[in-house]
N, C-alpha and C. Protein backbone atom coordinates (compact mmCIF):
# COMPACT_ATOMS: atom_id res chain seq x y z
N MET A 1 17.80 10.00 -17.39
CA MET A 1 17.41 9.91 -15.99
C MET A 1 16.66 11.23 -15.59
N LYS A 2 15.65 11.05 -14.77
CA LYS A 2 14.89 12.20 -14.31
C LYS A 2 15.64 12.92 -13.20
N THR A 3 15.21 14.13 -12.91
CA THR A 3 15.77 14.88 -11.78
C THR A 3 15.09 14.44 -10.47
N VAL A 4 15.71 14.82 -9.37
CA VAL A 4 15.10 14.52 -8.06
C VAL A 4 13.75 15.21 -7.96
N GLU A 5 13.63 16.40 -8.44
CA GLU A 5 12.35 17.13 -8.39
C GLU A 5 11.27 16.39 -9.19
N GLN A 6 11.63 15.85 -10.34
CA GLN A 6 10.68 15.10 -11.16
C GLN A 6 10.21 13.85 -10.41
N TYR A 7 11.15 13.14 -9.79
CA TYR A 7 10.76 11.97 -9.01
C TYR A 7 9.89 12.36 -7.81
N MET A 8 10.20 13.47 -7.17
CA MET A 8 9.42 13.90 -5.98
C MET A 8 7.99 14.21 -6.36
N GLU A 9 7.73 14.63 -7.59
CA GLU A 9 6.39 14.95 -8.02
C GLU A 9 5.57 13.70 -8.41
N MET A 10 6.27 12.55 -8.51
CA MET A 10 5.54 11.32 -8.91
C MET A 10 4.76 10.78 -7.71
N PRO A 11 3.63 10.11 -7.99
CA PRO A 11 2.72 9.67 -6.92
C PRO A 11 3.17 8.34 -6.27
N TYR A 12 4.29 8.38 -5.55
CA TYR A 12 4.72 7.18 -4.86
C TYR A 12 3.79 6.90 -3.70
N ARG A 13 3.40 5.62 -3.56
CA ARG A 13 2.50 5.21 -2.50
C ARG A 13 3.24 5.15 -1.18
N MET A 14 2.67 5.81 -0.18
CA MET A 14 3.21 5.86 1.16
C MET A 14 2.41 4.91 2.04
N GLU A 15 3.09 4.05 2.78
CA GLU A 15 2.40 3.17 3.73
C GLU A 15 2.75 3.64 5.14
N ILE A 16 1.77 3.72 6.00
CA ILE A 16 1.98 4.14 7.39
C ILE A 16 1.41 3.04 8.28
N ILE A 17 2.25 2.50 9.16
CA ILE A 17 1.78 1.48 10.08
C ILE A 17 2.22 1.84 11.50
N PRO A 18 1.43 1.46 12.49
CA PRO A 18 1.83 1.70 13.87
C PRO A 18 3.04 0.84 14.22
N ASP A 19 3.94 1.40 15.02
CA ASP A 19 5.10 0.67 15.50
C ASP A 19 4.73 0.11 16.89
N ARG A 20 4.36 -1.12 16.92
CA ARG A 20 3.87 -1.73 18.17
C ARG A 20 5.00 -1.90 19.21
N ASP A 21 6.24 -2.00 18.76
CA ASP A 21 7.33 -2.19 19.69
C ASP A 21 7.82 -0.89 20.32
N GLU A 22 8.00 0.13 19.46
CA GLU A 22 8.60 1.39 19.92
C GLU A 22 7.59 2.48 20.14
N GLY A 23 6.37 2.30 19.63
CA GLY A 23 5.37 3.37 19.64
C GLY A 23 5.53 4.27 18.43
N GLY A 24 4.59 5.11 18.19
CA GLY A 24 4.64 5.98 17.02
C GLY A 24 4.27 5.23 15.75
N TYR A 25 4.80 5.70 14.62
CA TYR A 25 4.43 5.15 13.31
C TYR A 25 5.65 4.99 12.46
N VAL A 26 5.58 4.03 11.54
CA VAL A 26 6.62 3.79 10.57
C VAL A 26 6.03 4.11 9.17
N VAL A 27 6.79 4.86 8.37
CA VAL A 27 6.40 5.22 7.02
C VAL A 27 7.35 4.54 6.07
N SER A 28 6.82 3.95 5.02
CA SER A 28 7.67 3.38 3.98
C SER A 28 7.06 3.63 2.61
N TYR A 29 7.88 3.46 1.59
CA TYR A 29 7.47 3.63 0.21
C TYR A 29 7.77 2.29 -0.49
N PRO A 30 6.76 1.47 -0.75
CA PRO A 30 6.99 0.15 -1.34
C PRO A 30 7.78 0.15 -2.64
N ASP A 31 7.65 1.19 -3.44
CA ASP A 31 8.36 1.26 -4.72
C ASP A 31 9.80 1.74 -4.56
N LEU A 32 10.17 2.18 -3.36
CA LEU A 32 11.54 2.66 -3.11
C LEU A 32 12.13 1.79 -1.99
N PRO A 33 12.70 0.66 -2.33
CA PRO A 33 13.20 -0.30 -1.30
C PRO A 33 14.15 0.35 -0.30
N GLY A 34 13.84 0.16 0.97
CA GLY A 34 14.69 0.69 2.05
C GLY A 34 14.40 2.12 2.44
N CYS A 35 13.48 2.76 1.75
CA CYS A 35 13.12 4.15 2.09
C CYS A 35 12.04 4.12 3.14
N LEU A 36 12.43 4.46 4.38
CA LEU A 36 11.46 4.47 5.46
C LEU A 36 11.86 5.50 6.50
N SER A 37 10.91 5.80 7.36
CA SER A 37 11.15 6.75 8.44
C SER A 37 10.14 6.48 9.54
N THR A 38 10.23 7.23 10.61
CA THR A 38 9.29 7.07 11.73
C THR A 38 8.85 8.42 12.24
N GLY A 39 7.86 8.41 13.12
CA GLY A 39 7.40 9.63 13.74
C GLY A 39 6.50 9.26 14.92
N GLU A 40 6.48 10.14 15.91
CA GLU A 40 5.63 9.89 17.11
C GLU A 40 4.14 10.01 16.74
N THR A 41 3.82 10.89 15.84
CA THR A 41 2.42 11.05 15.38
C THR A 41 2.37 10.77 13.90
N ILE A 42 1.16 10.58 13.39
CA ILE A 42 1.02 10.33 11.94
C ILE A 42 1.54 11.54 11.15
N GLU A 43 1.24 12.75 11.62
CA GLU A 43 1.68 13.96 10.91
C GLU A 43 3.19 14.02 10.87
N GLU A 44 3.83 13.73 12.00
CA GLU A 44 5.30 13.76 12.06
C GLU A 44 5.90 12.65 11.17
N ALA A 45 5.27 11.49 11.19
CA ALA A 45 5.72 10.39 10.35
C ALA A 45 5.63 10.76 8.87
N ILE A 46 4.57 11.43 8.49
CA ILE A 46 4.42 11.84 7.06
C ILE A 46 5.51 12.84 6.69
N ARG A 47 5.74 13.84 7.56
CA ARG A 47 6.80 14.82 7.29
C ARG A 47 8.16 14.15 7.18
N ASN A 48 8.45 13.27 8.13
CA ASN A 48 9.73 12.56 8.12
C ASN A 48 9.83 11.62 6.91
N GLY A 49 8.71 11.05 6.52
CA GLY A 49 8.68 10.18 5.35
C GLY A 49 9.04 10.95 4.10
N GLU A 50 8.46 12.15 3.96
CA GLU A 50 8.79 13.00 2.80
C GLU A 50 10.26 13.36 2.78
N ASP A 51 10.82 13.68 3.95
CA ASP A 51 12.29 13.96 4.02
C ASP A 51 13.10 12.76 3.63
N ALA A 52 12.67 11.57 4.13
CA ALA A 52 13.40 10.35 3.78
C ALA A 52 13.34 10.03 2.28
N LYS A 53 12.16 10.30 1.68
CA LYS A 53 11.99 10.08 0.25
C LYS A 53 12.92 10.99 -0.52
N LEU A 54 12.99 12.27 -0.13
CA LEU A 54 13.88 13.21 -0.79
C LEU A 54 15.32 12.76 -0.67
N ALA A 55 15.76 12.36 0.52
CA ALA A 55 17.15 11.90 0.73
C ALA A 55 17.43 10.66 -0.09
N TRP A 56 16.48 9.72 -0.11
CA TRP A 56 16.65 8.46 -0.85
C TRP A 56 16.79 8.72 -2.31
N LEU A 57 15.87 9.54 -2.86
CA LEU A 57 15.93 9.84 -4.30
C LEU A 57 17.18 10.64 -4.65
N SER A 58 17.57 11.58 -3.82
CA SER A 58 18.79 12.37 -4.08
C SER A 58 20.01 11.49 -4.15
N ALA A 59 20.13 10.56 -3.20
CA ALA A 59 21.27 9.64 -3.20
C ALA A 59 21.27 8.73 -4.40
N ALA A 60 20.08 8.24 -4.78
CA ALA A 60 20.01 7.34 -5.92
C ALA A 60 20.35 8.05 -7.23
N VAL A 61 19.85 9.29 -7.39
CA VAL A 61 20.18 10.06 -8.59
C VAL A 61 21.66 10.37 -8.63
N GLU A 62 22.20 10.82 -7.48
CA GLU A 62 23.63 11.17 -7.42
C GLU A 62 24.52 9.96 -7.77
N GLN A 63 24.12 8.77 -7.34
CA GLN A 63 24.94 7.58 -7.57
C GLN A 63 24.59 6.88 -8.90
N GLY A 64 23.59 7.41 -9.60
CA GLY A 64 23.18 6.83 -10.89
C GLY A 64 22.52 5.47 -10.76
N LEU A 65 21.85 5.24 -9.60
CA LEU A 65 21.16 3.97 -9.38
C LEU A 65 19.82 3.97 -10.03
N PRO A 66 19.35 2.81 -10.43
CA PRO A 66 17.99 2.73 -11.01
C PRO A 66 16.92 3.06 -9.97
N ILE A 67 15.90 3.79 -10.38
CA ILE A 67 14.82 4.18 -9.48
C ILE A 67 13.51 3.67 -10.09
N ASN A 68 12.78 2.91 -9.30
CA ASN A 68 11.48 2.43 -9.74
C ASN A 68 10.51 3.57 -9.84
N GLU A 69 9.68 3.56 -10.87
CA GLU A 69 8.60 4.53 -10.92
C GLU A 69 7.42 3.92 -10.18
N PRO A 70 6.51 4.76 -9.69
CA PRO A 70 5.38 4.25 -8.89
C PRO A 70 4.53 3.30 -9.71
N GLN A 71 4.09 2.22 -9.05
CA GLN A 71 3.12 1.33 -9.68
C GLN A 71 1.82 2.05 -9.79
N GLN A 72 1.19 1.95 -10.93
CA GLN A 72 -0.08 2.62 -11.15
C GLN A 72 -1.22 1.64 -10.96
N LEU A 73 -2.35 2.13 -10.46
CA LEU A 73 -3.55 1.28 -10.32
C LEU A 73 -4.02 0.75 -11.66
N GLN A 74 -3.69 1.45 -12.74
CA GLN A 74 -4.15 1.01 -14.07
C GLN A 74 -3.52 -0.34 -14.41
N SER A 75 -2.42 -0.71 -13.78
CA SER A 75 -1.80 -1.98 -14.10
C SER A 75 -2.52 -3.16 -13.43
N TYR A 76 -3.56 -2.85 -12.68
CA TYR A 76 -4.35 -3.90 -12.03
C TYR A 76 -5.75 -3.89 -12.64
N SER A 77 -6.26 -5.10 -12.95
CA SER A 77 -7.56 -5.20 -13.57
C SER A 77 -8.72 -5.15 -12.57
N GLY A 78 -8.44 -5.42 -11.28
CA GLY A 78 -9.48 -5.49 -10.32
C GLY A 78 -10.16 -6.85 -10.28
N GLN A 79 -9.58 -7.80 -10.97
CA GLN A 79 -10.16 -9.15 -11.04
C GLN A 79 -9.06 -10.18 -10.76
N PHE A 80 -9.44 -11.24 -10.06
CA PHE A 80 -8.57 -12.39 -9.92
C PHE A 80 -9.43 -13.63 -9.72
N LYS A 81 -8.90 -14.76 -10.09
CA LYS A 81 -9.64 -16.01 -9.96
C LYS A 81 -9.20 -16.72 -8.70
N LEU A 82 -10.16 -17.25 -7.96
CA LEU A 82 -9.86 -17.87 -6.70
C LEU A 82 -10.61 -19.19 -6.57
N ARG A 83 -9.94 -20.25 -6.30
CA ARG A 83 -10.57 -21.56 -6.08
C ARG A 83 -10.70 -21.71 -4.55
N ILE A 84 -11.93 -22.05 -4.12
CA ILE A 84 -12.20 -22.26 -2.70
C ILE A 84 -12.95 -23.54 -2.51
N PRO A 85 -12.91 -24.07 -1.30
CA PRO A 85 -13.68 -25.31 -1.03
C PRO A 85 -15.18 -25.06 -1.24
N LYS A 86 -15.87 -26.10 -1.67
CA LYS A 86 -17.30 -26.00 -1.92
C LYS A 86 -18.05 -25.56 -0.66
N SER A 87 -17.62 -26.05 0.50
CA SER A 87 -18.33 -25.69 1.74
C SER A 87 -18.19 -24.17 2.03
N LEU A 88 -17.01 -23.59 1.75
CA LEU A 88 -16.83 -22.19 1.95
C LEU A 88 -17.67 -21.40 0.92
N HIS A 89 -17.71 -21.88 -0.30
CA HIS A 89 -18.51 -21.25 -1.36
C HIS A 89 -19.97 -21.16 -0.90
N ARG A 90 -20.48 -22.30 -0.37
CA ARG A 90 -21.88 -22.35 0.12
C ARG A 90 -22.08 -21.33 1.25
N GLN A 91 -21.16 -21.30 2.22
CA GLN A 91 -21.29 -20.34 3.34
C GLN A 91 -21.32 -18.91 2.88
N LEU A 92 -20.42 -18.58 1.97
CA LEU A 92 -20.37 -17.20 1.44
C LEU A 92 -21.65 -16.87 0.70
N ALA A 93 -22.12 -17.77 -0.15
CA ALA A 93 -23.33 -17.54 -0.92
C ALA A 93 -24.53 -17.36 0.00
N GLU A 94 -24.63 -18.19 1.03
CA GLU A 94 -25.75 -18.11 1.94
C GLU A 94 -25.73 -16.81 2.74
N GLN A 95 -24.54 -16.42 3.21
CA GLN A 95 -24.45 -15.15 3.96
C GLN A 95 -24.77 -13.96 3.07
N ALA A 96 -24.28 -13.97 1.85
CA ALA A 96 -24.59 -12.90 0.92
C ALA A 96 -26.08 -12.80 0.67
N SER A 97 -26.72 -13.91 0.52
CA SER A 97 -28.15 -13.95 0.33
C SER A 97 -28.88 -13.36 1.51
N ARG A 98 -28.46 -13.73 2.72
CA ARG A 98 -29.08 -13.15 3.92
C ARG A 98 -28.91 -11.63 3.99
N GLU A 99 -27.77 -11.15 3.47
CA GLU A 99 -27.51 -9.69 3.45
C GLU A 99 -28.21 -9.01 2.30
N GLY A 100 -28.71 -9.77 1.34
CA GLY A 100 -29.39 -9.21 0.20
C GLY A 100 -28.47 -8.64 -0.84
N ILE A 101 -27.25 -9.16 -0.91
CA ILE A 101 -26.26 -8.67 -1.89
C ILE A 101 -25.68 -9.87 -2.64
N SER A 102 -24.95 -9.58 -3.70
CA SER A 102 -24.33 -10.67 -4.45
C SER A 102 -23.15 -11.24 -3.65
N MET A 103 -22.78 -12.46 -3.98
CA MET A 103 -21.63 -13.05 -3.29
C MET A 103 -20.37 -12.26 -3.61
N ASN A 104 -20.27 -11.75 -4.82
CA ASN A 104 -19.10 -10.93 -5.20
C ASN A 104 -19.02 -9.69 -4.32
N GLN A 105 -20.14 -8.99 -4.12
CA GLN A 105 -20.14 -7.80 -3.27
C GLN A 105 -19.79 -8.20 -1.83
N TYR A 106 -20.32 -9.32 -1.36
CA TYR A 106 -20.04 -9.74 -0.01
C TYR A 106 -18.54 -10.07 0.19
N CYS A 107 -17.94 -10.73 -0.80
CA CYS A 107 -16.53 -11.04 -0.72
C CYS A 107 -15.66 -9.77 -0.77
N VAL A 108 -16.04 -8.80 -1.58
CA VAL A 108 -15.33 -7.51 -1.60
C VAL A 108 -15.41 -6.86 -0.24
N TYR A 109 -16.59 -6.89 0.34
CA TYR A 109 -16.77 -6.31 1.68
C TYR A 109 -15.83 -6.99 2.69
N LEU A 110 -15.83 -8.32 2.69
CA LEU A 110 -14.96 -9.07 3.62
C LEU A 110 -13.47 -8.76 3.39
N LEU A 111 -13.06 -8.75 2.15
CA LEU A 111 -11.68 -8.47 1.85
C LEU A 111 -11.28 -7.05 2.26
N SER A 112 -12.13 -6.08 1.96
CA SER A 112 -11.80 -4.66 2.29
C SER A 112 -11.80 -4.45 3.79
N ARG A 113 -12.67 -5.15 4.50
CA ARG A 113 -12.74 -5.03 5.94
C ARG A 113 -11.48 -5.57 6.61
N ASN A 114 -10.85 -6.54 5.98
CA ASN A 114 -9.66 -7.18 6.56
C ASN A 114 -8.36 -6.87 5.83
N ALA A 115 -8.39 -5.94 4.90
CA ALA A 115 -7.23 -5.65 4.07
C ALA A 115 -6.07 -5.09 4.88
N GLY A 116 -6.32 -4.43 5.99
CA GLY A 116 -5.28 -3.81 6.78
C GLY A 116 -4.56 -4.76 7.71
N ILE A 117 -5.01 -6.01 7.75
CA ILE A 117 -4.39 -6.98 8.69
C ILE A 117 -3.10 -7.51 8.11
């Protein structure tokens, strides 16, 4: 088992989302289930998130619990197959053509524009 310090150096992905009910921001670490914190500002949420990560990892190491290592981007190919209705395919192809880009580029644009929803 690694030390807390070794786990703290690993590149765990931090997610920050606005808290629409209470205000401020919520920070979580998807690879560390239940590890989350809050803050009034993004900066405070990040600081509190780092403190929560340290406490979470310390408790897990102390109790001998399994700890997930961060998922790496290398485990994703960047490709997936998607079946869509022919009418949607036509609409996407036509819009991409109007924009002067490939349909693949246009779909990446649409997905990235809406990824935060």
